[in-house]
């Protein structure tokens, strides 16, 4: 398997997983929060929510690095 094909597969998988992890996060702001009338208090992330947050960051970084790798490898 060539490195280009491998990076394409990594890019595709990391993109799908990043989208899914973003959609799974439950820290959604209500419509009123956009206008400054949020009734929620800021709390720290714990447990599964923290794990989802960290995994989202990791897969987003993998996605960006794989895109850069594809750009730098000659076709």
C-alpha atoms as a PDB file:
ATOM      1  CA  UNK A   1       0.000   0.000   0.000  1.00  0.00           C
ATOM      2  CA  UNK A   2       1.362   3.393  -0.938  1.00  0.00           C
ATOM      3  CA  UNK A   3       1.658   6.173   1.622  1.00  0.00           C
ATOM      4  CA  UNK A   4      -0.753   8.352  -0.377  1.00  0.00           C
ATOM      5  CA  UNK A   5      -3.497   5.728  -0.243  1.00  0.00           C
ATOM      6  CA  UNK A   6      -2.903   5.259   3.475  1.00  0.00           C
ATOM      7  CA  UNK A   7      -3.183   9.005   4.126  1.00  0.00           C
ATOM      8  CA  UNK A   8      -6.398   9.187   2.096  1.00  0.00           C
ATOM      9  CA  UNK A   9      -7.925   6.439   4.227  1.00  0.00           C
ATOM     10  CA  UNK A  10      -6.743   8.119   7.452  1.00  0.00           C
ATOM     11  CA  UNK A  11      -8.170  11.444   6.252  1.00  0.00           C
ATOM     12  CA  UNK A  12     -11.549   9.917   5.447  1.00  0.00           C
ATOM     13  CA  UNK A  13     -11.835   7.995   8.720  1.00  0.00           C
ATOM     14  CA  UNK A  14     -10.680  10.916  10.864  1.00  0.00           C
ATOM     15  CA  UNK A  15     -13.139  13.257   9.130  1.00  0.00           C
ATOM     16  CA  UNK A  16     -16.078  10.919   9.771  1.00  0.00           C
ATOM     17  CA  UNK A  17     -15.060  10.339  13.398  1.00  0.00           C
ATOM     18  CA  UNK A  18     -14.572  14.065  14.018  1.00  0.00           C
ATOM     19  CA  UNK A  19     -18.053  14.808  12.689  1.00  0.00           C
ATOM     20  CA  UNK A  20     -19.599  12.058  14.815  1.00  0.00           C
ATOM     21  CA  UNK A  21     -17.781  13.168  17.951  1.00  0.00           C
ATOM     22  CA  UNK A  22     -18.864  16.769  17.458  1.00  0.00           C
ATOM     23  CA  UNK A  23     -22.475  15.650  17.059  1.00  0.00           C
ATOM     24  CA  UNK A  24     -22.270  13.482  20.186  1.00  0.00           C
ATOM     25  CA  UNK A  25     -21.219  16.340  22.432  1.00  0.00           C
ATOM     26  CA  UNK A  26     -24.099  17.589  24.542  1.00  0.00           C
ATOM     27  CA  UNK A  27     -22.894  21.044  25.420  1.00  0.00           C
ATOM     28  CA  UNK A  28     -25.352  22.752  23.106  1.00  0.00           C
ATOM     29  CA  UNK A  29     -26.257  26.368  23.584  1.00  0.00           C
ATOM     30  CA  UNK A  30     -29.897  27.286  23.394  1.00  0.00           C
ATOM     31  CA  UNK A  31     -31.156  30.007  21.069  1.00  0.00           C
ATOM     32  CA  UNK A  32     -31.251  32.497  23.932  1.00  0.00           C
ATOM     33  CA  UNK A  33     -27.568  31.949  24.661  1.00  0.00           C
ATOM     34  CA  UNK A  34     -26.681  33.645  21.392  1.00  0.00           C
ATOM     35  CA  UNK A  35     -28.293  36.830  22.663  1.00  0.00           C
ATOM     36  CA  UNK A  36     -26.664  36.728  26.088  1.00  0.00           C
ATOM     37  CA  UNK A  37     -29.566  35.318  28.081  1.00  0.00           C
ATOM     38  CA  UNK A  38     -28.180  31.916  28.901  1.00  0.00           C
ATOM     39  CA  UNK A  39     -29.318  30.407  32.181  1.00  0.00           C
ATOM     40  CA  UNK A  40     -26.549  27.838  32.228  1.00  0.00           C
ATOM     41  CA  UNK A  41     -23.528  27.953  34.500  1.00  0.00           C
ATOM     42  CA  UNK A  42     -20.116  26.964  33.213  1.00  0.00           C
ATOM     43  CA  UNK A  43     -18.955  23.708  34.709  1.00  0.00           C
ATOM     44  CA  UNK A  44     -15.873  21.647  34.027  1.00  0.00           C
ATOM     45  CA  UNK A  45     -16.104  18.622  31.799  1.00  0.00           C
ATOM     46  CA  UNK A  46     -16.011  15.282  33.569  1.00  0.00           C
ATOM     47  CA  UNK A  47     -16.163  11.636  32.653  1.00  0.00           C
ATOM     48  CA  UNK A  48     -17.486  10.736  29.232  1.00  0.00           C
ATOM     49  CA  UNK A  49     -17.976  14.362  28.230  1.00  0.00           C
ATOM     50  CA  UNK A  50     -14.282  15.093  28.822  1.00  0.00           C
ATOM     51  CA  UNK A  51     -13.263  11.958  26.920  1.00  0.00           C
ATOM     52  CA  UNK A  52     -15.420  12.966  23.936  1.00  0.00           C
ATOM     53  CA  UNK A  53     -13.913  16.449  24.014  1.00  0.00           C
ATOM     54  CA  UNK A  54     -10.332  15.158  24.039  1.00  0.00           C
ATOM     55  CA  UNK A  55     -11.071  12.556  21.350  1.00  0.00           C
ATOM     56  CA  UNK A  56     -12.581  15.294  19.158  1.00  0.00           C
ATOM     57  CA  UNK A  57      -9.413  17.355  19.467  1.00  0.00           C
ATOM     58  CA  UNK A  58      -7.192  14.337  18.720  1.00  0.00           C
ATOM     59  CA  UNK A  59      -9.125  13.318  15.601  1.00  0.00           C
ATOM     60  CA  UNK A  60      -9.260  16.922  14.368  1.00  0.00           C
ATOM     61  CA  UNK A  61      -5.468  17.141  14.697  1.00  0.00           C
ATOM     62  CA  UNK A  62      -5.061  13.789  12.899  1.00  0.00           C
ATOM     63  CA  UNK A  63      -7.340  15.074  10.134  1.00  0.00           C
ATOM     64  CA  UNK A  64      -5.344  18.289   9.657  1.00  0.00           C
ATOM     65  CA  UNK A  65      -1.999  16.455   9.726  1.00  0.00           C
ATOM     66  CA  UNK A  66      -3.188  13.893   7.184  1.00  0.00           C
ATOM     67  CA  UNK A  67      -4.355  16.686   4.866  1.00  0.00           C
ATOM     68  CA  UNK A  68      -0.956  18.368   5.193  1.00  0.00           C
ATOM     69  CA  UNK A  69       0.715  15.034   4.491  1.00  0.00           C
ATOM     70  CA  UNK A  70      -1.325  14.606   1.329  1.00  0.00           C
ATOM     71  CA  UNK A  71      -0.357  18.099   0.196  1.00  0.00           C
ATOM     72  CA  UNK A  72       3.361  17.497   0.761  1.00  0.00           C
ATOM     73  CA  UNK A  73       3.586  14.085  -0.904  1.00  0.00           C
ATOM     74  CA  UNK A  74       4.194  14.371  -4.638  1.00  0.00           C
ATOM     75  CA  UNK A  75       1.476  12.762  -6.741  1.00  0.00           C
END
